[in-house]
Amino acid sequence: MSGTLTTTQAYANRARQFYRNEGRMITMPEQEKVLYSISEVCKLLNVSDDTIRRMIKAGQLDGVKVRGQWRIRKESVDRYLGRSS
């Protein structure tokens, strides 16, 4: 276990990184987004949020709730649009 960080150590490292960057969080461009919010999918598909909710309910899009908010998997949106992931 010498190579693993405890949760407290991981948070401390993240806080140090945050302060080193003067309060600006650095996003990693190589990290591709895998979950979209309903509003993001609305913009991608040019439909209303009610339509996205109906599509989730009908099984046309795979959605999961994260802290009470719907998130739609990128693979699901790509599949709906006929793109390969």
C-alpha atoms as a PDB file:
ATOM      1  CA  MET A   1       0.000   0.000   0.000  1.00  0.00           C
ATOM      2  CA  SER A   2       2.969   2.291  -0.072  1.00  0.00           C
ATOM      3  CA  GLY A   3       2.045   3.540  -3.561  1.00  0.00           C
ATOM      4  CA  THR A   4      -1.588   4.380  -2.807  1.00  0.00           C
ATOM      5  CA  LEU A   5      -2.872   7.686  -1.514  1.00  0.00           C
ATOM      6  CA  THR A   6      -5.455   7.974   1.176  1.00  0.00           C
ATOM      7  CA  THR A   7      -8.488  10.112   0.437  1.00  0.00           C
ATOM      8  CA  THR A   8      -7.091  12.850   2.672  1.00  0.00           C
ATOM      9  CA  GLN A   9      -3.763  12.835   0.835  1.00  0.00           C
ATOM     10  CA  ALA A  10      -5.514  12.962  -2.540  1.00  0.00           C
ATOM     11  CA  TYR A  11      -7.570  15.989  -1.438  1.00  0.00           C
ATOM     12  CA  ALA A  12      -4.471  17.677  -0.055  1.00  0.00           C
ATOM     13  CA  ASN A  13      -2.619  17.142  -3.346  1.00  0.00           C
ATOM     14  CA  ARG A  14      -5.578  18.551  -5.296  1.00  0.00           C
ATOM     15  CA  ALA A  15      -5.705  21.606  -3.000  1.00  0.00           C
ATOM     16  CA  ARG A  16      -1.973  22.229  -3.453  1.00  0.00           C
ATOM     17  CA  GLN A  17      -2.388  22.006  -7.228  1.00  0.00           C
ATOM     18  CA  PHE A  18      -5.305  24.458  -7.060  1.00  0.00           C
ATOM     19  CA  TYR A  19      -3.318  27.028  -5.084  1.00  0.00           C
ATOM     20  CA  ARG A  20      -0.215  26.589  -7.244  1.00  0.00           C
ATOM     21  CA  ASN A  21      -2.362  27.589 -10.212  1.00  0.00           C
ATOM     22  CA  GLU A  22      -3.569  30.718  -8.376  1.00  0.00           C
ATOM     23  CA  GLY A  23      -7.077  29.386  -7.893  1.00  0.00           C
ATOM     24  CA  ARG A  24      -7.592  28.351 -11.513  1.00  0.00           C
ATOM     25  CA  MET A  25      -8.462  24.712 -12.015  1.00  0.00           C
ATOM     26  CA  ILE A  26      -6.561  23.205 -14.894  1.00  0.00           C
ATOM     27  CA  THR A  27      -8.564  20.959 -17.162  1.00  0.00           C
ATOM     28  CA  MET A  28      -6.829  18.234 -19.051  1.00  0.00           C
ATOM     29  CA  PRO A  29      -7.519  18.461 -22.778  1.00  0.00           C
ATOM     30  CA  GLU A  30      -6.699  14.802 -23.362  1.00  0.00           C
ATOM     31  CA  GLN A  31      -9.519  13.827 -21.027  1.00  0.00           C
ATOM     32  CA  GLU A  32     -12.611  13.425 -23.201  1.00  0.00           C
ATOM     33  CA  LYS A  33     -16.027  14.110 -21.745  1.00  0.00           C
ATOM     34  CA  VAL A  34     -18.038  10.934 -21.201  1.00  0.00           C
ATOM     35  CA  LEU A  35     -21.211  12.344 -19.620  1.00  0.00           C
ATOM     36  CA  TYR A  36     -23.318  15.229 -20.880  1.00  0.00           C
ATOM     37  CA  SER A  37     -25.955  17.267 -19.073  1.00  0.00           C
ATOM     38  CA  ILE A  38     -29.447  17.509 -20.525  1.00  0.00           C
ATOM     39  CA  SER A  39     -28.793  21.082 -21.688  1.00  0.00           C
ATOM     40  CA  GLU A  40     -25.623  19.996 -23.532  1.00  0.00           C
ATOM     41  CA  VAL A  41     -27.499  17.212 -25.329  1.00  0.00           C
ATOM     42  CA  CYS A  42     -30.308  19.676 -26.167  1.00  0.00           C
ATOM     43  CA  LYS A  43     -27.774  21.848 -27.987  1.00  0.00           C
ATOM     44  CA  LEU A  44     -26.183  18.863 -29.759  1.00  0.00           C
ATOM     45  CA  LEU A  45     -29.517  17.497 -30.994  1.00  0.00           C
ATOM     46  CA  ASN A  46     -31.313  20.839 -31.313  1.00  0.00           C
ATOM     47  CA  VAL A  47     -34.316  19.682 -29.271  1.00  0.00           C
ATOM     48  CA  SER A  48     -35.958  20.719 -25.996  1.00  0.00           C
ATOM     49  CA  ASP A  49     -35.090  19.365 -22.568  1.00  0.00           C
ATOM     50  CA  ASP A  50     -38.533  17.690 -22.398  1.00  0.00           C
ATOM     51  CA  THR A  51     -37.670  15.797 -25.581  1.00  0.00           C
ATOM     52  CA  ILE A  52     -34.389  14.597 -24.068  1.00  0.00           C
ATOM     53  CA  ARG A  53     -36.235  13.421 -20.930  1.00  0.00           C
ATOM     54  CA  ARG A  54     -38.751  11.529 -23.112  1.00  0.00           C
ATOM     55  CA  MET A  55     -35.893   9.949 -25.067  1.00  0.00           C
ATOM     56  CA  ILE A  56     -34.305   8.756 -21.809  1.00  0.00           C
ATOM     57  CA  LYS A  57     -37.622   7.345 -20.617  1.00  0.00           C
ATOM     58  CA  ALA A  58     -38.186   5.608 -23.974  1.00  0.00           C
ATOM     59  CA  GLY A  59     -34.698   4.097 -23.896  1.00  0.00           C
ATOM     60  CA  GLN A  60     -33.442   6.000 -26.935  1.00  0.00           C
ATOM     61  CA  LEU A  61     -30.709   7.596 -24.804  1.00  0.00           C
ATOM     62  CA  ASP A  62     -28.930   6.045 -21.824  1.00  0.00           C
ATOM     63  CA  GLY A  63     -29.174   8.388 -18.872  1.00  0.00           C
ATOM     64  CA  VAL A  64     -28.049   8.158 -15.271  1.00  0.00           C
ATOM     65  CA  LYS A  65     -28.903  10.388 -12.364  1.00  0.00           C
ATOM     66  CA  VAL A  66     -25.954  11.952 -10.582  1.00  0.00           C
ATOM     67  CA  ARG A  67     -26.960  13.815  -7.421  1.00  0.00           C
ATOM     68  CA  GLY A  68     -30.469  14.255  -8.786  1.00  0.00           C
ATOM     69  CA  GLN A  69     -29.349  15.574 -12.195  1.00  0.00           C
ATOM     70  CA  TRP A  70     -29.611  13.565 -15.410  1.00  0.00           C
ATOM     71  CA  ARG A  71     -26.385  12.786 -17.248  1.00  0.00           C
ATOM     72  CA  ILE A  72     -26.368  11.171 -20.679  1.00  0.00           C
ATOM     73  CA  ARG A  73     -23.514   8.935 -21.794  1.00  0.00           C
ATOM     74  CA  LYS A  74     -21.479  10.134 -24.779  1.00  0.00           C
ATOM     75  CA  GLU A  75     -21.677   6.677 -26.348  1.00  0.00           C
ATOM     76  CA  SER A  76     -25.455   6.894 -26.210  1.00  0.00           C
ATOM     77  CA  VAL A  77     -25.525  10.262 -28.008  1.00  0.00           C
ATOM     78  CA  ASP A  78     -23.025   9.000 -30.593  1.00  0.00           C
ATOM     79  CA  ARG A  79     -25.110   5.866 -31.158  1.00  0.00           C
ATOM     80  CA  TYR A  80     -28.264   7.961 -31.583  1.00  0.00           C
ATOM     81  CA  LEU A  81     -26.484  10.176 -34.129  1.00  0.00           C
ATOM     82  CA  GLY A  82     -25.135   7.124 -35.955  1.00  0.00           C
ATOM     83  CA  ARG A  83     -21.504   7.848 -35.048  1.00  0.00           C
ATOM     84  CA  SER A  84     -19.090   5.243 -33.808  1.00  0.00           C
ATOM     85  CA  SER A  85     -17.592   6.003 -30.379  1.00  0.00           C
END
